[in-house]
Amino acid sequence: MIRYREDPGGKDMKKENVVTAAGRKYAEAYDTHYARKDLCAAIKSYKEVVDSYPDSTEAAHSRSQILNIVRDVVPKDVLFEAQLNLALDYAKRNNGSNARLVEQPAPAPAE
């Protein structure tokens, strides 16, 4: 995270890097993803960032990284089918209404 502080001279704002807990967790997840190439562990680490710091910039980046991994490892037709089934499950729970179901928890996975 970059934070700005006033220059002691009083004219300018200076940038300084501030390492936050969310930033450290994200850096660990990123390292797991790209340096160690452990995708399962990376997904879990990114998810921890999202769960622990949901409104942070790092959570937004973590969500993007999770989606990138999903797109890289799940075949397109399988991903489409899973998304379709998820949408149908949500629509059924709402009796086919067009209302968004943002507040409802995800349905249990099919067995």
Protein backbone atom coordinates (compact mmCIF):
# COMPACT_ATOMS: atom_id res chain seq x y z
CA MET A 1 0.00 0.00 0.00
CA ILE A 2 1.24 3.48 -0.73
CA ARG A 3 0.50 6.23 1.74
CA TYR A 4 1.16 9.90 1.26
CA ARG A 5 2.59 12.12 3.95
CA GLU A 6 3.34 15.79 4.03
CA ASP A 7 6.90 16.83 3.26
CA PRO A 8 8.59 18.37 6.31
CA GLY A 9 9.15 21.45 4.14
CA GLY A 10 5.38 21.79 3.91
CA LYS A 11 5.05 22.03 0.12
CA ASP A 12 4.81 18.52 -1.26
CA MET A 13 3.30 15.19 -0.44
CA LYS A 14 5.76 12.32 -0.37
CA LYS A 15 4.98 8.70 -1.10
CA GLU A 16 6.00 5.99 1.30
CA ASN A 17 5.36 2.28 1.13
CA VAL A 18 3.43 0.96 4.08
CA VAL A 19 3.42 -2.79 4.58
CA THR A 20 0.09 -3.90 5.98
CA ALA A 21 -0.98 -7.28 7.30
CA ALA A 22 -3.12 -7.70 4.19
CA GLY A 23 -0.13 -6.81 2.03
CA ARG A 24 2.06 -9.38 3.75
CA LYS A 25 -0.59 -12.10 3.35
CA TYR A 26 -1.07 -11.21 -0.29
CA ALA A 27 2.70 -11.28 -0.89
CA GLU A 28 2.85 -14.76 0.66
CA ALA A 29 -0.01 -15.97 -1.55
CA TYR A 30 1.61 -14.43 -4.62
CA ASP A 31 4.92 -16.13 -3.80
CA THR A 32 3.12 -19.45 -3.37
CA HIS A 33 1.43 -18.93 -6.72
CA TYR A 34 4.32 -17.76 -8.85
CA ALA A 35 7.56 -18.78 -7.13
CA ARG A 36 6.52 -22.09 -5.59
CA LYS A 37 3.89 -22.79 -8.27
CA ASP A 38 1.63 -24.52 -5.73
CA LEU A 39 -1.77 -23.61 -7.12
CA CYS A 40 -3.85 -25.35 -4.44
CA ALA A 41 -1.97 -23.62 -1.65
CA ALA A 42 -2.09 -20.32 -3.55
CA ILE A 43 -5.87 -20.50 -3.90
CA LYS A 44 -6.19 -21.16 -0.17
CA SER A 45 -3.82 -18.31 0.66
CA TYR A 46 -5.62 -15.86 -1.63
CA LYS A 47 -8.93 -16.96 -0.04
CA GLU A 48 -7.49 -16.20 3.41
CA VAL A 49 -6.71 -12.67 2.26
CA VAL A 50 -10.27 -12.25 0.96
CA ASP A 51 -11.79 -13.65 4.16
CA SER A 52 -9.54 -11.70 6.53
CA TYR A 53 -9.44 -8.34 4.70
CA PRO A 54 -12.56 -8.33 2.45
CA ASP A 55 -12.57 -4.61 1.69
CA SER A 56 -8.86 -4.23 1.03
CA THR A 57 -7.11 -3.70 -2.27
CA GLU A 58 -5.28 -6.97 -1.58
CA ALA A 59 -8.61 -8.80 -1.38
CA ALA A 60 -9.59 -7.43 -4.78
CA HIS A 61 -6.25 -8.56 -6.22
CA SER A 62 -6.66 -11.96 -4.52
CA ARG A 63 -10.10 -12.44 -6.10
CA SER A 64 -8.58 -11.67 -9.50
CA GLN A 65 -5.74 -14.12 -8.92
CA ILE A 66 -8.19 -16.86 -7.90
CA LEU A 67 -10.19 -16.28 -11.08
CA ASN A 68 -6.98 -16.35 -13.13
CA ILE A 69 -6.06 -19.72 -11.63
CA VAL A 70 -9.57 -21.05 -12.25
CA ARG A 71 -9.42 -19.97 -15.90
CA ASP A 72 -5.98 -21.55 -16.27
CA VAL A 73 -6.75 -24.94 -14.75
CA VAL A 74 -10.44 -25.61 -15.42
CA PRO A 75 -11.36 -26.42 -19.02
CA LYS A 76 -13.71 -23.79 -20.50
CA ASP A 77 -16.58 -26.21 -21.10
CA VAL A 78 -16.37 -27.55 -17.54
CA LEU A 79 -16.25 -24.03 -16.11
CA PHE A 80 -19.23 -22.98 -18.23
CA GLU A 81 -21.24 -26.00 -17.11
CA ALA A 82 -20.43 -25.33 -13.45
CA GLN A 83 -21.43 -21.66 -13.80
CA LEU A 84 -24.64 -22.62 -15.58
CA ASN A 85 -25.56 -25.11 -12.85
CA LEU A 86 -24.77 -22.58 -10.14
CA ALA A 87 -27.00 -19.98 -11.81
CA LEU A 88 -29.81 -22.53 -12.17
CA ASP A 89 -29.50 -23.55 -8.52
CA TYR A 90 -29.78 -19.92 -7.43
CA ALA A 91 -32.71 -19.27 -9.76
CA LYS A 92 -34.55 -22.34 -8.40
CA ARG A 93 -34.03 -21.10 -4.84
CA ASN A 94 -35.68 -17.83 -5.87
CA ASN A 95 -38.55 -19.51 -7.75
CA GLY A 96 -37.25 -18.31 -11.10
CA SER A 97 -37.52 -14.63 -10.14
CA ASN A 98 -35.17 -12.07 -11.67
CA ALA A 99 -34.32 -10.77 -8.19
CA ARG A 100 -30.65 -10.99 -7.33
CA LEU A 101 -29.73 -13.40 -4.58
CA VAL A 102 -26.68 -11.61 -3.24
CA GLU A 103 -27.51 -12.20 0.42
CA GLN A 104 -28.24 -15.90 0.11
CA PRO A 105 -25.50 -18.46 0.80
CA ALA A 106 -24.27 -20.70 -1.96
CA PRO A 107 -26.19 -23.94 -2.45
CA ALA A 108 -24.56 -27.13 -1.23
CA PRO A 109 -22.47 -28.84 -3.94
CA ALA A 110 -24.22 -31.59 -5.86
CA GLU A 111 -23.08 -35.07 -5.04
